[in-house]
PDB file of all heavy atoms in Angstrom:
ATOM      1  N   ALA A   1      30.941  10.600   1.265  1.00  0.00           N
ATOM      2  CA  ALA A   1      31.984   9.782   1.887  1.00  0.00           C
ATOM      3  C   ALA A   1      32.976  10.607   2.689  1.00  0.00           C
ATOM      4  O   ALA A   1      33.507  10.145   3.703  1.00  0.00           O
ATOM      5  CB  ALA A   1      32.719   8.983   0.808  1.00  0.00           C
ATOM      6  N   GLY A   2      33.224  11.831   2.257  1.00  0.00           N
ATOM      7  CA  GLY A   2      34.231  12.647   2.933  1.00  0.00           C
ATOM      8  C   GLY A   2      33.910  12.924   4.383  1.00  0.00           C
ATOM      9  O   GLY A   2      34.820  12.999   5.221  1.00  0.00           O
ATOM     10  N   ASP A   3      32.626  13.077   4.713  1.00  0.00           N
ATOM     11  CA  ASP A   3      32.274  13.312   6.117  1.00  0.00           C
ATOM     12  C   ASP A   3      31.529  12.129   6.723  1.00  0.00           C
ATOM     13  O   ASP A   3      30.917  12.233   7.782  1.00  0.00           O
ATOM     14  CB  ASP A   3      31.467  14.607   6.284  1.00  0.00           C
ATOM     15  CG  ASP A   3      30.114  14.564   5.596  1.00  0.00           C
ATOM     16  OD1 ASP A   3      29.911  13.672   4.758  1.00  0.00           O
ATOM     17  OD2 ASP A   3      29.269  15.421   5.894  1.00  0.00           O
ATOM     18  N   GLY A   4      31.577  10.975   6.041  1.00  0.00           N
ATOM     19  CA  GLY A   4      31.021   9.750   6.608  1.00  0.00           C
ATOM     20  C   GLY A   4      29.513   9.672   6.626  1.00  0.00           C
ATOM     21  O   GLY A   4      28.942   8.846   7.344  1.00  0.00           O
ATOM     22  N   ASN A   5      28.833  10.484   5.825  1.00  0.00           N
ATOM     23  CA  ASN A   5      27.369  10.501   5.805  1.00  0.00           C
ATOM     24  C   ASN A   5      26.857   9.497   4.765  1.00  0.00           C
ATOM     25  O   ASN A   5      27.072   9.672   3.568  1.00  0.00           O
ATOM     26  CB  ASN A   5      26.876  11.907   5.495  1.00  0.00           C
ATOM     27  CG  ASN A   5      25.376  12.078   5.633  1.00  0.00           C
ATOM     28  OD1 ASN A   5      24.836  13.082   5.186  1.00  0.00           O
ATOM     29  ND2 ASN A   5      24.684  11.134   6.233  1.00  0.00           N
ATOM     30  N   LEU A   6      26.209   8.437   5.231  1.00  0.00           N
ATOM     31  CA  LEU A   6      25.729   7.366   4.363  1.00  0.00           C
ATOM     32  C   LEU A   6      24.287   7.603   3.935  1.00  0.00           C
ATOM     33  O   LEU A   6      23.467   8.064   4.721  1.00  0.00           O
ATOM     34  CB  LEU A   6      25.776   6.019   5.099  1.00  0.00           C
ATOM     35  CG  LEU A   6      26.922   5.704   6.038  1.00  0.00           C
ATOM     36  CD1 LEU A   6      26.722   4.311   6.621  1.00  0.00           C
ATOM     37  CD2 LEU A   6      28.240   5.788   5.322  1.00  0.00           C
ATOM     38  N   HIS A   7      23.981   7.236   2.680  1.00  0.00           N
ATOM     39  CA  HIS A   7      22.600   7.263   2.196  1.00  0.00           C
ATOM     40  C   HIS A   7      22.264   5.953   1.489  1.00  0.00           C
ATOM     41  O   HIS A   7      22.104   5.916   0.266  1.00  0.00           O
ATOM     42  CB  HIS A   7      22.375   8.448   1.245  1.00  0.00           C
ATOM     43  CG  HIS A   7      22.436   9.780   1.895  1.00  0.00           C
ATOM     44  ND1 HIS A   7      21.831  10.055   3.092  1.00  0.00           N
ATOM     45  CD2 HIS A   7      23.051  10.931   1.522  1.00  0.00           C
ATOM     46  CE1 HIS A   7      22.056  11.315   3.430  1.00  0.00           C
ATOM     47  NE2 HIS A   7      22.801  11.854   2.507  1.00  0.00           N
ATOM     48  N   PRO A   8      22.182   4.852   2.233  1.00  0.00           N
ATOM     49  CA  PRO A   8      21.772   3.590   1.605  1.00  0.00           C
ATOM     50  C   PRO A   8      20.323   3.681   1.110  1.00  0.00           C
ATOM     51  O   PRO A   8      19.444   4.164   1.828  1.00  0.00           O
ATOM     52  CB  PRO A   8      21.896   2.569   2.743  1.00  0.00           C
ATOM     53  CG  PRO A   8      22.741   3.237   3.789  1.00  0.00           C
ATOM     54  CD  PRO A   8      22.458   4.688   3.659  1.00  0.00           C
ATOM     55  N   LEU A   9      20.086   3.219  -0.108  1.00  0.00           N
ATOM     56  CA  LEU A   9      18.745   3.196  -0.683  1.00  0.00           C
ATOM     57  C   LEU A   9      18.274   1.749  -0.690  1.00  0.00           C
ATOM     58  O   LEU A   9      18.727   0.935  -1.506  1.00  0.00           O
ATOM     59  CB  LEU A   9      18.751   3.755  -2.109  1.00  0.00           C
ATOM     60  CG  LEU A   9      19.201   5.201  -2.281  1.00  0.00           C
ATOM     61  CD1 LEU A   9      19.311   5.547  -3.752  1.00  0.00           C
ATOM     62  CD2 LEU A   9      18.226   6.145  -1.603  1.00  0.00           C
ATOM     63  N   ILE A  10      17.380   1.420   0.223  1.00  0.00           N
ATOM     64  CA  ILE A  10      16.852   0.061   0.320  1.00  0.00           C
ATOM     65  C   ILE A  10      15.701  -0.069  -0.674  1.00  0.00           C
ATOM     66  O   ILE A  10      14.719   0.680  -0.614  1.00  0.00           O
ATOM     67  CB  ILE A  10      16.372  -0.239   1.747  1.00  0.00           C
ATOM     68  CG1 ILE A  10      17.538  -0.090   2.740  1.00  0.00           C
ATOM     69  CG2 ILE A  10      15.774  -1.631   1.838  1.00  0.00           C
ATOM     70  CD1 ILE A  10      17.118  -0.098   4.196  1.00  0.00           C
ATOM     71  N   LEU A  11      15.826  -1.007  -1.606  1.00  0.00           N
ATOM     72  CA  LEU A  11      14.859  -1.155  -2.692  1.00  0.00           C
ATOM     73  C   LEU A  11      13.835  -2.218  -2.328  1.00  0.00           C
ATOM     74  O   LEU A  11      14.190  -3.323  -1.907  1.00  0.00           O
ATOM     75  CB  LEU A  11      15.592  -1.533  -3.978  1.00  0.00           C
ATOM     76  CG  LEU A  11      16.786  -0.639  -4.351  1.00  0.00           C
ATOM     77  CD1 LEU A  11      17.477  -1.165  -5.612  1.00  0.00           C
ATOM     78  CD2 LEU A  11      16.353   0.804  -4.534  1.00  0.00           C
ATOM     79  N   PHE A  12      12.549  -1.887  -2.490  1.00  0.00           N
ATOM     80  CA  PHE A  12      11.495  -2.841  -2.131  1.00  0.00           C
ATOM     81  C   PHE A  12      10.246  -2.552  -2.945  1.00  0.00           C
ATOM     82  O   PHE A  12      10.186  -1.586  -3.714  1.00  0.00           O
ATOM     83  CB  PHE A  12      11.187  -2.764  -0.624  1.00  0.00           C
ATOM     84  CG  PHE A  12      10.498  -1.490  -0.194  1.00  0.00           C
ATOM     85  CD1 PHE A  12       9.125  -1.461  -0.011  1.00  0.00           C
ATOM     86  CD2 PHE A  12      11.221  -0.326   0.026  1.00  0.00           C
ATOM     87  CE1 PHE A  12       8.480  -0.300   0.384  1.00  0.00           C
ATOM     88  CE2 PHE A  12      10.589   0.842   0.422  1.00  0.00           C
ATOM     89  CZ  PHE A  12       9.215   0.860   0.600  1.00  0.00           C
ATOM     90  N   ASP A  13       9.264  -3.386  -2.786  1.00  0.00           N
ATOM     91  CA  ASP A  13       7.980  -3.230  -3.472  1.00  0.00           C
ATOM     92  C   ASP A  13       6.881  -3.236  -2.416  1.00  0.00           C
ATOM     93  O   ASP A  13       6.593  -4.274  -1.805  1.00  0.00           O
ATOM     94  CB  ASP A  13       7.776  -4.372  -4.470  1.00  0.00           C
ATOM     95  CG  ASP A  13       6.492  -4.213  -5.296  1.00  0.00           C
ATOM     96  OD1 ASP A  13       5.691  -3.302  -4.983  1.00  0.00           O
ATOM     97  OD2 ASP A  13       6.292  -5.005  -6.233  1.00  0.00           O
ATOM     98  N   ALA A  14       6.288  -2.086  -2.193  1.00  0.00           N
ATOM     99  CA  ALA A  14       5.263  -1.961  -1.143  1.00  0.00           C
ATOM    100  C   ALA A  14       4.030  -2.803  -1.443  1.00  0.00           C
ATOM    101  O   ALA A  14       3.237  -3.089  -0.535  1.00  0.00           O
ATOM    102  CB  ALA A  14       4.861  -0.494  -0.982  1.00  0.00           C
ATOM    103  N   ASN A  15       3.866  -3.201  -2.705  1.00  0.00           N
ATOM    104  CA  ASN A  15       2.710  -4.032  -3.053  1.00  0.00           C
ATOM    105  C   ASN A  15       2.896  -5.486  -2.636  1.00  0.00           C
ATOM    106  O   ASN A  15       1.930  -6.259  -2.649  1.00  0.00           O
ATOM    107  CB  ASN A  15       2.459  -3.960  -4.564  1.00  0.00           C
ATOM    108  CG  ASN A  15       2.042  -2.569  -5.002  1.00  0.00           C
ATOM    109  OD1 ASN A  15       1.185  -1.957  -4.386  1.00  0.00           O
ATOM    110  ND2 ASN A  15       2.653  -2.066  -6.056  1.00  0.00           N
ATOM    111  N   GLN A  16       4.133  -5.852  -2.301  1.00  0.00           N
ATOM    112  CA  GLN A  16       4.400  -7.207  -1.841  1.00  0.00           C
ATOM    113  C   GLN A  16       4.291  -7.246  -0.315  1.00  0.00           C
ATOM    114  O   GLN A  16       4.968  -6.499   0.378  1.00  0.00           O
ATOM    115  CB  GLN A  16       5.800  -7.655  -2.273  1.00  0.00           C
ATOM    116  CG  GLN A  16       6.002  -7.690  -3.780  1.00  0.00           C
ATOM    117  CD  GLN A  16       5.100  -8.700  -4.461  1.00  0.00           C
ATOM    118  OE1 GLN A  16       4.925  -9.826  -3.978  1.00  0.00           O
ATOM    119  NE2 GLN A  16       4.504  -8.294  -5.580  1.00  0.00           N
ATOM    120  N   GLU A  17       3.435  -8.131   0.180  1.00  0.00           N
ATOM    121  CA  GLU A  17       3.173  -8.188   1.611  1.00  0.00           C
ATOM    122  C   GLU A  17       4.468  -8.397   2.414  1.00  0.00           C
ATOM    123  O   GLU A  17       5.255  -9.296   2.122  1.00  0.00           O
ATOM    124  CB  GLU A  17       2.184  -9.313   1.921  1.00  0.00           C
ATOM    125  CG  GLU A  17       1.758  -9.360   3.386  1.00  0.00           C
ATOM    126  CD  GLU A  17       0.730 -10.430   3.660  1.00  0.00           C
ATOM    127  OE1 GLU A  17       0.297 -11.101   2.700  1.00  0.00           O
ATOM    128  OE2 GLU A  17       0.368 -10.606   4.843  1.00  0.00           O
ATOM    129  N   GLY A  18       4.664  -7.556   3.388  1.00  0.00           N
ATOM    130  CA  GLY A  18       5.799  -7.688   4.289  1.00  0.00           C
ATOM    131  C   GLY A  18       7.069  -6.999   3.846  1.00  0.00           C
ATOM    132  O   GLY A  18       8.005  -6.847   4.643  1.00  0.00           O
ATOM    133  N   GLU A  19       7.146  -6.541   2.580  1.00  0.00           N
ATOM    134  CA  GLU A  19       8.411  -5.966   2.109  1.00  0.00           C
ATOM    135  C   GLU A  19       8.722  -4.627   2.775  1.00  0.00           C
ATOM    136  O   GLU A  19       9.882  -4.335   3.078  1.00  0.00           O
ATOM    137  CB  GLU A  19       8.423  -5.828   0.581  1.00  0.00           C
ATOM    138  CG  GLU A  19       8.700  -7.128  -0.130  1.00  0.00           C
ATOM    139  CD  GLU A  19       9.429  -6.959  -1.451  1.00  0.00           C
ATOM    140  OE1 GLU A  19       9.807  -5.822  -1.807  1.00  0.00           O
ATOM    141  OE2 GLU A  19       9.628  -7.983  -2.137  1.00  0.00           O
ATOM    142  N   PHE A  20       7.713  -3.795   3.005  1.00  0.00           N
ATOM    143  CA  PHE A  20       8.006  -2.523   3.662  1.00  0.00           C
ATOM    144  C   PHE A  20       8.475  -2.752   5.096  1.00  0.00           C
ATOM    145  O   PHE A  20       9.379  -2.073   5.580  1.00  0.00           O
ATOM    146  CB  PHE A  20       6.795  -1.591   3.654  1.00  0.00           C
ATOM    147  CG  PHE A  20       7.036  -0.302   4.399  1.00  0.00           C
ATOM    148  CD1 PHE A  20       8.036   0.569   4.000  1.00  0.00           C
ATOM    149  CD2 PHE A  20       6.296   0.019   5.526  1.00  0.00           C
ATOM    150  CE1 PHE A  20       8.288   1.743   4.692  1.00  0.00           C
ATOM    151  CE2 PHE A  20       6.534   1.186   6.230  1.00  0.00           C
ATOM    152  CZ  PHE A  20       7.529   2.055   5.803  1.00  0.00           C
ATOM    153  N   LEU A  21       7.867  -3.722   5.790  1.00  0.00           N
ATOM    154  CA  LEU A  21       8.300  -4.032   7.152  1.00  0.00           C
ATOM    155  C   LEU A  21       9.755  -4.495   7.151  1.00  0.00           C
ATOM    156  O   LEU A  21      10.538  -4.129   8.031  1.00  0.00           O
ATOM    157  CB  LEU A  21       7.403  -5.110   7.759  1.00  0.00           C
ATOM    158  CG  LEU A  21       5.955  -4.705   8.071  1.00  0.00           C
ATOM    159  CD1 LEU A  21       5.174  -5.897   8.591  1.00  0.00           C
ATOM    160  CD2 LEU A  21       5.926  -3.561   9.075  1.00  0.00           C
ATOM    161  N   ARG A  22      10.134  -5.307   6.155  1.00  0.00           N
ATOM    162  CA  ARG A  22      11.522  -5.753   6.064  1.00  0.00           C
ATOM    163  C   ARG A  22      12.447  -4.579   5.753  1.00  0.00           C
ATOM    164  O   ARG A  22      13.556  -4.505   6.281  1.00  0.00           O
ATOM    165  CB  ARG A  22      11.673  -6.846   4.999  1.00  0.00           C
ATOM    166  CG  ARG A  22      10.920  -8.118   5.308  1.00  0.00           C
ATOM    167  CD  ARG A  22      11.602  -9.365   4.740  1.00  0.00           C
ATOM    168  NE  ARG A  22      11.871  -9.293   3.315  1.00  0.00           N
ATOM    169  CZ  ARG A  22      11.016  -9.633   2.357  1.00  0.00           C
ATOM    170  NH1 ARG A  22       9.791 -10.020   2.679  1.00  0.00           N
ATOM    171  NH2 ARG A  22      11.360  -9.566   1.097  1.00  0.00           N
ATOM    172  N   ALA A  23      11.979  -3.673   4.902  1.00  0.00           N
ATOM    173  CA  ALA A  23      12.798  -2.495   4.584  1.00  0.00           C
ATOM    174  C   ALA A  23      13.021  -1.636   5.825  1.00  0.00           C
ATOM    175  O   ALA A  23      14.136  -1.142   6.069  1.00  0.00           O
ATOM    176  CB  ALA A  23      12.127  -1.670   3.486  1.00  0.00           C
ATOM    177  N   GLU A  24      11.970  -1.459   6.628  1.00  0.00           N
ATOM    178  CA  GLU A  24      12.111  -0.710   7.876  1.00  0.00           C
ATOM    179  C   GLU A  24      13.105  -1.374   8.819  1.00  0.00           C
ATOM    180  O   GLU A  24      13.945  -0.717   9.431  1.00  0.00           O
ATOM    181  CB  GLU A  24      10.749  -0.583   8.570  1.00  0.00           C
ATOM    182  CG  GLU A  24       9.874   0.526   8.062  1.00  0.00           C
ATOM    183  CD  GLU A  24       8.717   0.772   9.014  1.00  0.00           C
ATOM    184  OE1 GLU A  24       8.019  -0.203   9.360  1.00  0.00           O
ATOM    185  OE2 GLU A  24       8.502   1.930   9.420  1.00  0.00           O
ATOM    186  N   ALA A  25      12.982  -2.680   8.944  1.00  0.00           N
ATOM    187  CA  ALA A  25      13.878  -3.416   9.827  1.00  0.00           C
ATOM    188  C   ALA A  25      15.316  -3.344   9.331  1.00  0.00           C
ATOM    189  O   ALA A  25      16.264  -3.192  10.117  1.00  0.00           O
ATOM    190  CB  ALA A  25      13.427  -4.874   9.922  1.00  0.00           C
ATOM    191  N   PHE A  26      15.490  -3.446   8.024  1.00  0.00           N
ATOM    192  CA  PHE A  26      16.803  -3.321   7.385  1.00  0.00           C
ATOM    193  C   PHE A  26      17.401  -1.960   7.731  1.00  0.00           C
ATOM    194  O   PHE A  26      18.553  -1.849   8.183  1.00  0.00           O
ATOM    195  CB  PHE A  26      16.611  -3.481   5.876  1.00  0.00           C
ATOM    196  CG  PHE A  26      17.871  -3.650   5.064  1.00  0.00           C
ATOM    197  CD1 PHE A  26      17.775  -4.097   3.748  1.00  0.00           C
ATOM    198  CD2 PHE A  26      19.139  -3.364   5.566  1.00  0.00           C
ATOM    199  CE1 PHE A  26      18.906  -4.267   2.962  1.00  0.00           C
ATOM    200  CE2 PHE A  26      20.279  -3.520   4.782  1.00  0.00           C
ATOM    201  CZ  PHE A  26      20.166  -3.966   3.480  1.00  0.00           C
ATOM    202  N   GLY A  27      16.609  -0.897   7.547  1.00  0.00           N
ATOM    203  CA  GLY A  27      17.091   0.453   7.837  1.00  0.00           C
ATOM    204  C   GLY A  27      17.466   0.640   9.294  1.00  0.00           C
ATOM    205  O   GLY A  27      18.492   1.252   9.612  1.00  0.00           O
ATOM    206  N   ALA A  28      16.651   0.094  10.189  1.00  0.00           N
ATOM    207  CA  ALA A  28      16.943   0.221  11.625  1.00  0.00           C
ATOM    208  C   ALA A  28      18.249  -0.471  11.978  1.00  0.00           C
ATOM    209  O   ALA A  28      19.031   0.027  12.791  1.00  0.00           O
ATOM    210  CB  ALA A  28      15.784  -0.363  12.443  1.00  0.00           C
ATOM    211  N   GLU A  29      18.508  -1.612  11.343  1.00  0.00           N
ATOM    212  CA  GLU A  29      19.746  -2.327  11.650  1.00  0.00           C
ATOM    213  C   GLU A  29      20.962  -1.581  11.099  1.00  0.00           C
ATOM    214  O   GLU A  29      22.036  -1.590  11.712  1.00  0.00           O
ATOM    215  CB  GLU A  29      19.699  -3.753  11.109  1.00  0.00           C
ATOM    216  CG  GLU A  29      20.886  -4.574  11.584  1.00  0.00           C
ATOM    217  CD  GLU A  29      20.694  -6.072  11.451  1.00  0.00           C
ATOM    218  OE1 GLU A  29      19.587  -6.516  11.069  1.00  0.00           O
ATOM    219  OE2 GLU A  29      21.658  -6.809  11.747  1.00  0.00           O
TER     220      GLU A  29
END
């Protein structure tokens, strides 16, 4: 936080169809 460096951890299940694509899109946004 002191230098503004964020590390959001997006939680998903790669075995569920489409979840990794949503995680990628989430990260890009």
